[in-house]
Amino acid sequence: MVVHMDNLGDLLGRSKYKEPKEIAQIKKFVWEQFEATPDVELGKNSIIITVDSAPLATSLRYKIIELNAILNTNKKLVIRIK
């Protein structure tokens, strides 16, 4: 008896990755406000937003309440610099 197993490339090729809603909203917000694309990680209790520079991080911190209202989440928003 022969069992046919798909290889990893076939399995991954069939699946469509869809970015979580929160990540897409954060990236859109940062792009519209600052024309920059952050790295975003979702954790159990937090969302980590990593940006390229300290001035961008500071500017984003001033907008954190507005971003939190858009996301409508209870997770803590953490801003980091690369």
Protein backbone atom coordinates (compact mmCIF):
# COMPACT_ATOMS: atom_id res chain seq x y z
CA MET A 1 0.00 0.00 0.00
CA VAL A 2 1.39 3.41 -1.02
CA VAL A 3 0.39 6.54 0.83
CA HIS A 4 0.77 9.72 -1.20
CA MET A 5 1.93 12.63 0.91
CA ASP A 6 2.02 16.20 -0.32
CA ASN A 7 5.30 18.00 0.03
CA LEU A 8 5.51 21.22 2.02
CA GLY A 9 5.71 23.38 -1.13
CA ASP A 10 2.42 21.96 -2.41
CA LEU A 11 0.67 22.54 0.92
CA LEU A 12 1.93 26.10 1.27
CA GLY A 13 1.14 26.86 -2.36
CA ARG A 14 -2.52 26.01 -1.80
CA SER A 15 -3.02 28.09 1.30
CA LYS A 16 -3.70 31.79 1.06
CA TYR A 17 -2.15 33.89 3.81
CA LYS A 18 -4.42 36.65 4.97
CA GLU A 19 -2.95 39.30 7.23
CA PRO A 20 -4.86 39.78 10.51
CA LYS A 21 -7.17 42.80 10.51
CA GLU A 22 -5.23 44.61 13.24
CA ILE A 23 -1.95 44.38 11.33
CA ALA A 24 -3.52 45.70 8.15
CA GLN A 25 -5.16 48.59 10.02
CA ILE A 26 -1.91 49.58 11.74
CA LYS A 27 0.10 49.47 8.53
CA LYS A 28 -2.54 51.53 6.73
CA PHE A 29 -2.69 54.10 9.55
CA VAL A 30 1.10 54.52 9.74
CA TRP A 31 1.38 54.77 5.96
CA GLU A 32 -1.36 57.40 5.71
CA GLN A 33 0.03 59.47 8.60
CA PHE A 34 3.80 59.12 8.07
CA GLU A 35 4.39 57.36 4.71
CA ALA A 36 6.28 54.56 6.45
CA THR A 37 5.62 50.85 6.78
CA PRO A 38 6.10 49.38 10.28
CA ASP A 39 6.70 45.79 11.31
CA VAL A 40 3.79 44.56 13.43
CA GLU A 41 3.64 41.54 15.74
CA LEU A 42 0.53 40.29 17.51
CA GLY A 43 1.01 38.90 20.99
CA LYS A 44 -1.46 37.48 23.46
CA ASN A 45 -1.86 40.75 25.36
CA SER A 46 -0.01 43.25 23.19
CA ILE A 47 0.62 44.50 19.69
CA ILE A 48 4.23 45.43 18.99
CA ILE A 49 4.77 48.10 16.34
CA THR A 50 8.40 48.43 15.22
CA VAL A 51 9.46 51.49 13.21
CA ASP A 52 12.75 52.59 11.63
CA SER A 53 13.51 55.76 13.57
CA ALA A 54 13.13 57.50 16.90
CA PRO A 55 11.39 60.56 15.41
CA LEU A 56 8.80 58.30 13.79
CA ALA A 57 8.29 56.40 17.05
CA THR A 58 7.78 59.66 18.93
CA SER A 59 5.31 60.98 16.35
CA LEU A 60 3.42 57.68 16.45
CA ARG A 61 3.24 57.83 20.26
CA TYR A 62 1.38 61.15 19.94
CA LYS A 63 -1.19 59.35 17.77
CA ILE A 64 -1.51 56.23 19.94
CA ILE A 65 -4.96 57.13 21.30
CA GLU A 66 -6.29 57.68 17.79
CA LEU A 67 -4.79 54.38 16.61
CA ASN A 68 -6.20 52.52 19.62
CA ALA A 69 -9.67 53.89 18.83
CA ILE A 70 -9.39 52.66 15.23
CA LEU A 71 -8.27 49.19 16.34
CA ASN A 72 -10.89 48.91 19.08
CA THR A 73 -8.78 46.44 21.02
CA ASN A 74 -7.92 45.81 24.65
CA LYS A 75 -4.35 44.84 23.76
CA LYS A 76 -1.53 47.13 24.82
CA LEU A 77 0.15 48.94 21.91
CA VAL A 78 3.95 48.89 22.21
CA ILE A 79 6.12 51.03 19.92
CA ARG A 80 9.72 49.98 19.32
CA ILE A 81 12.60 51.26 17.21
CA LYS A 82 14.65 48.93 14.98
